[in-house]
N, C-alpha and C. Protein backbone atom coordinates (compact mmCIF):
# COMPACT_ATOMS: atom_id res chain seq x y z
N MET A 1 88.89 80.56 79.90
CA MET A 1 90.12 80.83 80.61
C MET A 1 90.52 82.30 80.48
N ASP A 2 90.29 82.87 79.29
CA ASP A 2 90.63 84.27 79.07
C ASP A 2 89.87 85.19 80.02
N ILE A 3 88.61 84.89 80.23
CA ILE A 3 87.80 85.75 81.10
C ILE A 3 88.36 85.72 82.52
N LEU A 4 88.75 84.55 82.99
CA LEU A 4 89.33 84.44 84.33
C LEU A 4 90.62 85.26 84.43
N LEU A 5 91.48 85.16 83.42
CA LEU A 5 92.73 85.93 83.42
C LEU A 5 92.47 87.43 83.36
N ILE A 6 91.49 87.84 82.59
CA ILE A 6 91.15 89.27 82.50
C ILE A 6 90.63 89.78 83.83
N VAL A 7 89.73 89.02 84.46
CA VAL A 7 89.18 89.43 85.75
C VAL A 7 90.28 89.48 86.82
N LEU A 8 91.11 88.44 86.86
CA LEU A 8 92.22 88.44 87.82
C LEU A 8 93.18 89.61 87.54
N GLY A 9 93.45 89.85 86.26
CA GLY A 9 94.30 90.98 85.90
C GLY A 9 93.73 92.29 86.38
N ALA A 10 92.43 92.48 86.22
CA ALA A 10 91.78 93.71 86.68
C ALA A 10 91.86 93.83 88.20
N VAL A 11 91.69 92.71 88.91
CA VAL A 11 91.80 92.73 90.37
C VAL A 11 93.23 93.13 90.78
N PHE A 12 94.23 92.60 90.09
CA PHE A 12 95.62 92.95 90.41
C PHE A 12 95.91 94.41 90.08
N ILE A 13 95.37 94.90 88.97
CA ILE A 13 95.57 96.30 88.60
C ILE A 13 94.97 97.22 89.66
N ILE A 14 93.75 96.94 90.08
CA ILE A 14 93.09 97.76 91.11
C ILE A 14 93.85 97.66 92.43
N SER A 15 94.25 96.46 92.80
CA SER A 15 95.02 96.28 94.03
C SER A 15 96.35 97.02 93.95
N GLY A 16 96.94 97.04 92.77
CA GLY A 16 98.20 97.75 92.58
C GLY A 16 98.07 99.25 92.80
N VAL A 17 97.00 99.82 92.28
CA VAL A 17 96.77 101.26 92.49
C VAL A 17 96.51 101.54 93.97
N LEU A 18 95.71 100.69 94.61
CA LEU A 18 95.47 100.86 96.04
C LEU A 18 96.76 100.70 96.84
N GLY A 19 97.61 99.79 96.40
CA GLY A 19 98.88 99.55 97.07
C GLY A 19 99.84 100.72 97.01
N CYS A 20 99.59 101.65 96.13
CA CYS A 20 100.44 102.84 96.06
C CYS A 20 100.27 103.73 97.27
N VAL A 21 99.10 103.70 97.88
CA VAL A 21 98.86 104.54 99.06
C VAL A 21 98.78 103.72 100.34
N LEU A 22 98.67 102.42 100.24
CA LEU A 22 98.67 101.54 101.41
C LEU A 22 100.00 100.79 101.44
N PRO A 23 100.90 101.15 102.36
CA PRO A 23 102.26 100.61 102.30
C PRO A 23 102.39 99.10 102.47
N ILE A 24 101.40 98.44 103.01
CA ILE A 24 101.51 96.99 103.18
C ILE A 24 101.38 96.27 101.84
N ILE A 25 100.67 96.88 100.90
CA ILE A 25 100.41 96.25 99.60
C ILE A 25 101.44 96.77 98.59
N PRO A 26 102.18 95.89 97.93
CA PRO A 26 103.19 96.33 96.96
C PRO A 26 102.55 96.75 95.64
N GLY A 27 102.23 98.02 95.50
CA GLY A 27 101.47 98.54 94.38
C GLY A 27 101.99 98.21 92.99
N PRO A 28 103.13 98.76 92.59
CA PRO A 28 103.60 98.50 91.21
C PRO A 28 103.80 97.02 90.88
N PRO A 29 104.34 96.18 91.78
CA PRO A 29 104.44 94.77 91.41
C PRO A 29 103.07 94.12 91.14
N LEU A 30 102.06 94.50 91.90
CA LEU A 30 100.73 93.94 91.65
C LEU A 30 100.18 94.43 90.31
N SER A 31 100.41 95.70 90.00
CA SER A 31 99.97 96.23 88.71
C SER A 31 100.67 95.49 87.57
N TYR A 32 101.95 95.21 87.74
CA TYR A 32 102.69 94.48 86.71
C TYR A 32 102.13 93.07 86.53
N ILE A 33 101.79 92.42 87.61
CA ILE A 33 101.18 91.09 87.51
C ILE A 33 99.87 91.18 86.73
N GLY A 34 99.13 92.26 86.95
CA GLY A 34 97.89 92.48 86.19
C GLY A 34 98.17 92.55 84.69
N LEU A 35 99.23 93.26 84.32
CA LEU A 35 99.60 93.32 82.90
C LEU A 35 99.98 91.94 82.37
N LEU A 36 100.74 91.19 83.17
CA LEU A 36 101.14 89.84 82.75
C LEU A 36 99.93 88.93 82.55
N LEU A 37 98.98 89.02 83.47
CA LEU A 37 97.78 88.18 83.34
C LEU A 37 97.02 88.51 82.06
N LEU A 38 96.94 89.80 81.72
CA LEU A 38 96.28 90.16 80.47
C LEU A 38 97.09 89.65 79.28
N HIS A 39 98.39 89.70 79.38
CA HIS A 39 99.27 89.22 78.30
C HIS A 39 99.09 87.71 78.07
N PHE A 40 98.80 86.96 79.11
CA PHE A 40 98.67 85.51 78.99
C PHE A 40 97.36 85.07 78.35
N THR A 41 96.48 86.02 78.05
CA THR A 41 95.26 85.66 77.34
C THR A 41 95.59 85.48 75.86
N GLU A 42 94.69 84.86 75.15
CA GLU A 42 94.91 84.68 73.71
C GLU A 42 94.56 85.94 72.94
N ARG A 43 93.72 86.77 73.50
CA ARG A 43 93.20 87.93 72.78
C ARG A 43 94.09 89.17 72.90
N TYR A 44 94.72 89.37 74.04
CA TYR A 44 95.49 90.60 74.28
C TYR A 44 96.96 90.26 74.48
N GLN A 45 97.81 90.94 73.75
CA GLN A 45 99.24 90.65 73.83
C GLN A 45 100.05 91.94 73.92
N PHE A 46 101.08 91.91 74.73
CA PHE A 46 102.06 92.98 74.79
C PHE A 46 103.36 92.44 74.21
N SER A 47 104.20 93.33 73.71
CA SER A 47 105.49 92.88 73.18
C SER A 47 106.42 92.50 74.33
N SER A 48 107.40 91.68 74.02
CA SER A 48 108.39 91.29 75.03
C SER A 48 109.15 92.52 75.52
N LYS A 49 109.48 93.41 74.62
CA LYS A 49 110.19 94.63 74.97
C LYS A 49 109.37 95.45 75.98
N PHE A 50 108.08 95.59 75.72
CA PHE A 50 107.18 96.33 76.61
C PHE A 50 107.19 95.70 78.00
N LEU A 51 107.07 94.39 78.07
CA LEU A 51 107.02 93.70 79.36
C LEU A 51 108.35 93.80 80.11
N ILE A 52 109.45 93.73 79.39
CA ILE A 52 110.76 93.85 80.03
C ILE A 52 110.97 95.26 80.58
N ILE A 53 110.60 96.25 79.78
CA ILE A 53 110.74 97.65 80.24
C ILE A 53 109.91 97.88 81.49
N TRP A 54 108.67 97.40 81.51
CA TRP A 54 107.82 97.60 82.69
C TRP A 54 108.29 96.77 83.87
N ALA A 55 108.92 95.64 83.63
CA ALA A 55 109.50 94.87 84.73
C ALA A 55 110.63 95.66 85.38
N ILE A 56 111.47 96.26 84.56
CA ILE A 56 112.58 97.07 85.08
C ILE A 56 112.05 98.29 85.84
N ILE A 57 111.07 98.97 85.25
CA ILE A 57 110.47 100.13 85.92
C ILE A 57 109.88 99.72 87.26
N THR A 58 109.20 98.59 87.29
CA THR A 58 108.58 98.11 88.53
C THR A 58 109.63 97.86 89.61
N VAL A 59 110.71 97.20 89.27
CA VAL A 59 111.78 96.91 90.24
C VAL A 59 112.42 98.21 90.73
N VAL A 60 112.69 99.12 89.82
CA VAL A 60 113.33 100.39 90.20
C VAL A 60 112.41 101.21 91.11
N VAL A 61 111.15 101.33 90.74
CA VAL A 61 110.19 102.10 91.56
C VAL A 61 110.03 101.46 92.93
N TYR A 62 109.96 100.14 92.97
CA TYR A 62 109.79 99.43 94.24
C TYR A 62 111.00 99.67 95.15
N ALA A 63 112.19 99.63 94.57
CA ALA A 63 113.41 99.89 95.36
C ALA A 63 113.47 101.34 95.81
N LEU A 64 113.16 102.27 94.92
CA LEU A 64 113.21 103.68 95.27
C LEU A 64 112.20 104.04 96.36
N ASP A 65 111.10 103.32 96.40
CA ASP A 65 110.10 103.60 97.43
C ASP A 65 110.66 103.41 98.83
N TYR A 66 111.63 102.53 98.98
CA TYR A 66 112.26 102.33 100.28
C TYR A 66 113.43 103.29 100.50
N LEU A 67 114.04 103.73 99.42
CA LEU A 67 115.22 104.58 99.54
C LEU A 67 114.88 106.08 99.65
N ILE A 68 113.84 106.51 98.97
CA ILE A 68 113.53 107.95 98.93
C ILE A 68 113.21 108.54 100.30
N PRO A 69 112.36 107.91 101.14
CA PRO A 69 112.11 108.52 102.46
C PRO A 69 113.38 108.63 103.31
N ALA A 70 114.22 107.61 103.26
CA ALA A 70 115.48 107.67 104.01
C ALA A 70 116.37 108.77 103.43
N TRP A 71 116.41 108.89 102.11
CA TRP A 71 117.19 109.94 101.47
C TRP A 71 116.65 111.31 101.86
N GLY A 72 115.31 111.46 101.88
CA GLY A 72 114.71 112.73 102.28
C GLY A 72 115.08 113.11 103.70
N THR A 73 115.06 112.14 104.59
CA THR A 73 115.44 112.39 105.97
C THR A 73 116.90 112.83 106.04
N LYS A 74 117.78 112.11 105.34
CA LYS A 74 119.20 112.47 105.31
C LYS A 74 119.42 113.84 104.68
N LYS A 75 118.73 114.11 103.58
CA LYS A 75 118.89 115.37 102.85
C LYS A 75 118.53 116.57 103.73
N PHE A 76 117.58 116.37 104.61
CA PHE A 76 117.15 117.45 105.49
C PHE A 76 117.87 117.40 106.84
N GLY A 77 119.02 116.74 106.87
CA GLY A 77 119.87 116.77 108.06
C GLY A 77 119.61 115.67 109.07
N GLY A 78 118.92 114.63 108.69
CA GLY A 78 118.59 113.56 109.62
C GLY A 78 119.74 112.60 109.84
N SER A 79 119.71 111.95 110.99
CA SER A 79 120.71 110.95 111.34
C SER A 79 120.15 109.56 111.06
N LYS A 80 120.95 108.52 111.37
CA LYS A 80 120.46 107.15 111.20
C LYS A 80 119.25 106.90 112.09
N ARG A 81 119.26 107.47 113.29
CA ARG A 81 118.11 107.30 114.17
C ARG A 81 116.87 107.95 113.59
N GLY A 82 117.05 109.06 112.91
CA GLY A 82 115.92 109.71 112.25
C GLY A 82 115.35 108.85 111.14
N VAL A 83 116.25 108.22 110.37
CA VAL A 83 115.81 107.32 109.29
C VAL A 83 115.06 106.13 109.88
N TRP A 84 115.66 105.50 110.91
CA TRP A 84 115.00 104.36 111.54
C TRP A 84 113.69 104.77 112.21
N GLY A 85 113.68 105.94 112.81
CA GLY A 85 112.45 106.45 113.41
C GLY A 85 111.36 106.62 112.38
N SER A 86 111.74 107.08 111.20
CA SER A 86 110.80 107.24 110.10
C SER A 86 110.20 105.89 109.69
N ILE A 87 111.04 104.88 109.58
CA ILE A 87 110.57 103.55 109.19
C ILE A 87 109.67 102.95 110.27
N ILE A 88 110.10 103.05 111.52
CA ILE A 88 109.31 102.51 112.63
C ILE A 88 107.99 103.28 112.74
N GLY A 89 108.05 104.59 112.57
CA GLY A 89 106.83 105.40 112.62
C GLY A 89 105.84 105.02 111.54
N LEU A 90 106.35 104.68 110.36
CA LEU A 90 105.48 104.25 109.27
C LEU A 90 104.75 102.97 109.65
N VAL A 91 105.49 102.00 110.18
CA VAL A 91 104.89 100.72 110.55
C VAL A 91 103.86 100.90 111.67
N ILE A 92 104.23 101.63 112.71
CA ILE A 92 103.30 101.85 113.83
C ILE A 92 102.08 102.63 113.37
N GLY A 93 102.31 103.69 112.61
CA GLY A 93 101.20 104.51 112.14
C GLY A 93 100.25 103.74 111.25
N MET A 94 100.80 102.86 110.44
CA MET A 94 100.00 102.08 109.51
C MET A 94 99.03 101.15 110.26
N PHE A 95 99.51 100.57 111.35
CA PHE A 95 98.68 99.61 112.06
C PHE A 95 97.78 100.23 113.12
N PHE A 96 98.24 101.28 113.77
CA PHE A 96 97.49 101.83 114.90
C PHE A 96 96.65 103.05 114.55
N PHE A 97 96.99 103.76 113.49
CA PHE A 97 96.25 104.97 113.15
C PHE A 97 95.93 105.07 111.66
N PRO A 98 95.44 103.97 111.06
CA PRO A 98 95.16 104.05 109.63
C PRO A 98 94.00 105.00 109.35
N PRO A 99 93.92 105.63 108.23
CA PRO A 99 94.90 105.72 107.16
C PRO A 99 95.89 106.86 107.38
N PHE A 100 95.60 107.76 108.32
CA PHE A 100 96.44 108.94 108.49
C PHE A 100 97.81 108.61 109.09
N GLY A 101 97.90 107.50 109.81
CA GLY A 101 99.17 107.10 110.40
C GLY A 101 100.24 106.82 109.36
N ILE A 102 99.81 106.48 108.15
CA ILE A 102 100.75 106.22 107.06
C ILE A 102 101.50 107.50 106.69
N ILE A 103 100.84 108.63 106.85
CA ILE A 103 101.43 109.91 106.52
C ILE A 103 102.12 110.52 107.73
N ILE A 104 101.44 110.48 108.86
CA ILE A 104 101.95 111.13 110.08
C ILE A 104 103.05 110.29 110.75
N GLY A 105 102.94 108.97 110.69
CA GLY A 105 103.88 108.08 111.37
C GLY A 105 105.34 108.31 111.01
N PRO A 106 105.69 108.37 109.72
CA PRO A 106 107.10 108.60 109.37
C PRO A 106 107.61 109.96 109.88
N PHE A 107 106.76 110.96 109.81
CA PHE A 107 107.15 112.29 110.29
C PHE A 107 107.44 112.26 111.79
N VAL A 108 106.48 111.73 112.56
CA VAL A 108 106.64 111.68 114.01
C VAL A 108 107.82 110.79 114.39
N GLY A 109 107.95 109.65 113.71
CA GLY A 109 109.06 108.74 113.99
C GLY A 109 110.42 109.38 113.75
N ALA A 110 110.54 110.12 112.65
CA ALA A 110 111.81 110.80 112.36
C ALA A 110 112.11 111.87 113.39
N VAL A 111 111.09 112.61 113.80
CA VAL A 111 111.28 113.66 114.81
C VAL A 111 111.73 113.02 116.12
N ILE A 112 111.05 111.97 116.56
CA ILE A 112 111.42 111.30 117.81
C ILE A 112 112.83 110.73 117.71
N GLY A 113 113.15 110.10 116.57
CA GLY A 113 114.49 109.56 116.38
C GLY A 113 115.56 110.64 116.49
N GLU A 114 115.31 111.80 115.93
CA GLU A 114 116.28 112.89 116.00
C GLU A 114 116.38 113.45 117.42
N LEU A 115 115.27 113.51 118.12
CA LEU A 115 115.30 114.02 119.49
C LEU A 115 116.10 113.09 120.41
N THR A 116 116.09 111.78 120.12
CA THR A 116 116.86 110.84 120.96
C THR A 116 118.37 111.00 120.75
N VAL A 117 118.75 111.58 119.62
CA VAL A 117 120.17 111.82 119.35
C VAL A 117 120.63 113.10 120.07
N GLY A 118 119.66 113.91 120.47
CA GLY A 118 120.00 115.15 121.17
C GLY A 118 119.89 116.39 120.31
N LYS A 119 119.30 116.26 119.13
CA LYS A 119 119.13 117.42 118.28
C LYS A 119 118.03 118.31 118.85
N ASP A 120 118.12 119.60 118.55
CA ASP A 120 117.09 120.52 119.01
C ASP A 120 115.81 120.28 118.21
N SER A 121 114.71 120.79 118.70
CA SER A 121 113.41 120.51 118.09
C SER A 121 113.33 121.03 116.66
N GLY A 122 113.98 122.14 116.35
CA GLY A 122 113.96 122.67 114.99
C GLY A 122 114.62 121.73 114.00
N ALA A 123 115.78 121.20 114.36
CA ALA A 123 116.48 120.25 113.49
C ALA A 123 115.70 118.95 113.37
N ALA A 124 115.08 118.53 114.47
CA ALA A 124 114.28 117.30 114.45
C ALA A 124 113.06 117.47 113.54
N LEU A 125 112.41 118.63 113.61
CA LEU A 125 111.25 118.88 112.74
C LEU A 125 111.67 118.94 111.27
N LYS A 126 112.82 119.52 111.01
CA LYS A 126 113.33 119.58 109.64
C LYS A 126 113.57 118.17 109.10
N SER A 127 114.15 117.30 109.91
CA SER A 127 114.37 115.92 109.52
C SER A 127 113.04 115.21 109.28
N GLY A 128 112.07 115.44 110.17
CA GLY A 128 110.75 114.85 110.00
C GLY A 128 110.08 115.32 108.72
N PHE A 129 110.27 116.59 108.38
CA PHE A 129 109.72 117.12 107.14
C PHE A 129 110.36 116.43 105.93
N GLY A 130 111.66 116.20 106.01
CA GLY A 130 112.36 115.49 104.93
C GLY A 130 111.81 114.09 104.74
N SER A 131 111.53 113.41 105.84
CA SER A 131 110.95 112.08 105.77
C SER A 131 109.57 112.13 105.12
N PHE A 132 108.78 113.10 105.52
CA PHE A 132 107.43 113.27 104.97
C PHE A 132 107.50 113.55 103.47
N MET A 133 108.39 114.43 103.06
CA MET A 133 108.53 114.75 101.65
C MET A 133 109.02 113.51 100.86
N GLY A 134 109.91 112.74 101.44
CA GLY A 134 110.37 111.52 100.80
C GLY A 134 109.24 110.52 100.64
N PHE A 135 108.40 110.42 101.68
CA PHE A 135 107.24 109.52 101.59
C PHE A 135 106.31 109.96 100.47
N LEU A 136 106.03 111.26 100.39
CA LEU A 136 105.15 111.77 99.33
C LEU A 136 105.75 111.53 97.95
N ALA A 137 107.06 111.74 97.81
CA ALA A 137 107.71 111.52 96.52
C ALA A 137 107.64 110.04 96.11
N GLY A 138 107.88 109.15 97.06
CA GLY A 138 107.79 107.72 96.77
C GLY A 138 106.38 107.30 96.39
N THR A 139 105.40 107.84 97.10
CA THR A 139 104.00 107.53 96.79
C THR A 139 103.63 108.04 95.41
N LEU A 140 104.05 109.24 95.08
CA LEU A 140 103.76 109.80 93.76
C LEU A 140 104.41 108.96 92.66
N LEU A 141 105.63 108.55 92.88
CA LEU A 141 106.33 107.71 91.90
C LEU A 141 105.59 106.40 91.68
N LYS A 142 105.13 105.77 92.77
CA LYS A 142 104.37 104.52 92.65
C LYS A 142 103.05 104.75 91.92
N LEU A 143 102.37 105.86 92.24
CA LEU A 143 101.09 106.15 91.58
C LEU A 143 101.28 106.37 90.08
N ILE A 144 102.35 107.04 89.71
CA ILE A 144 102.61 107.26 88.29
C ILE A 144 102.84 105.92 87.58
N ALA A 145 103.68 105.08 88.16
CA ALA A 145 103.98 103.79 87.52
C ALA A 145 102.73 102.92 87.44
N SER A 146 102.02 102.77 88.55
CA SER A 146 100.81 101.92 88.54
C SER A 146 99.71 102.55 87.68
N GLY A 147 99.64 103.85 87.68
CA GLY A 147 98.64 104.53 86.84
C GLY A 147 98.90 104.29 85.37
N MET A 148 100.17 104.33 84.98
CA MET A 148 100.51 104.06 83.58
C MET A 148 100.21 102.61 83.20
N MET A 149 100.52 101.68 84.11
CA MET A 149 100.21 100.27 83.82
C MET A 149 98.69 100.08 83.72
N THR A 150 97.95 100.76 84.57
CA THR A 150 96.48 100.70 84.51
C THR A 150 96.00 101.23 83.17
N TRP A 151 96.59 102.33 82.73
CA TRP A 151 96.21 102.91 81.45
C TRP A 151 96.46 101.93 80.31
N TYR A 152 97.63 101.29 80.29
CA TYR A 152 97.93 100.31 79.25
C TYR A 152 96.99 99.11 79.31
N PHE A 153 96.64 98.69 80.51
CA PHE A 153 95.69 97.58 80.68
C PHE A 153 94.35 97.94 80.05
N VAL A 154 93.81 99.10 80.44
CA VAL A 154 92.52 99.54 79.94
C VAL A 154 92.57 99.79 78.43
N LYS A 155 93.63 100.43 77.97
CA LYS A 155 93.79 100.72 76.54
C LYS A 155 93.78 99.43 75.72
N GLU A 156 94.48 98.43 76.21
CA GLU A 156 94.54 97.15 75.50
C GLU A 156 93.16 96.49 75.46
N MET A 157 92.41 96.66 76.52
CA MET A 157 91.06 96.06 76.58
C MET A 157 90.09 96.76 75.62
N ILE A 158 90.28 98.05 75.42
CA ILE A 158 89.37 98.84 74.58
C ILE A 158 89.67 98.66 73.10
N VAL A 159 90.95 98.60 72.77
CA VAL A 159 91.35 98.54 71.35
C VAL A 159 91.15 97.20 70.76
């Protein structure tokens, strides 16, 4: 049974890291499940405090991943249409132009959203840049969290 849990845990850890750059896959939650699966073995154990802290980190990072791109758009002068354009652009880009659509989609969507409000192209591009920077910040945050969970998984397996 332990071998099955370890293998499944490794699959979840790998999927979690991949999910940091593929928006359809929830990266940090999958990485956390990988840690839990390893914890449920008889051989490898994490403390309750460790698991609670990583559960909180996972929830916070997952929530921030949705808030940061919208915040970036707003911070760079974007309107609600720019924020919605960024979200719609992400979804369209993800499905129709993978993998680059994940990066380009939010930018283009925010720019189009701002242009529909009547903003000039300079302001629209600035808003799109904010969305892009927010996307990169959210992705980096997810990679750090999932990377740390991966490190703890591997460290526990080695020690």
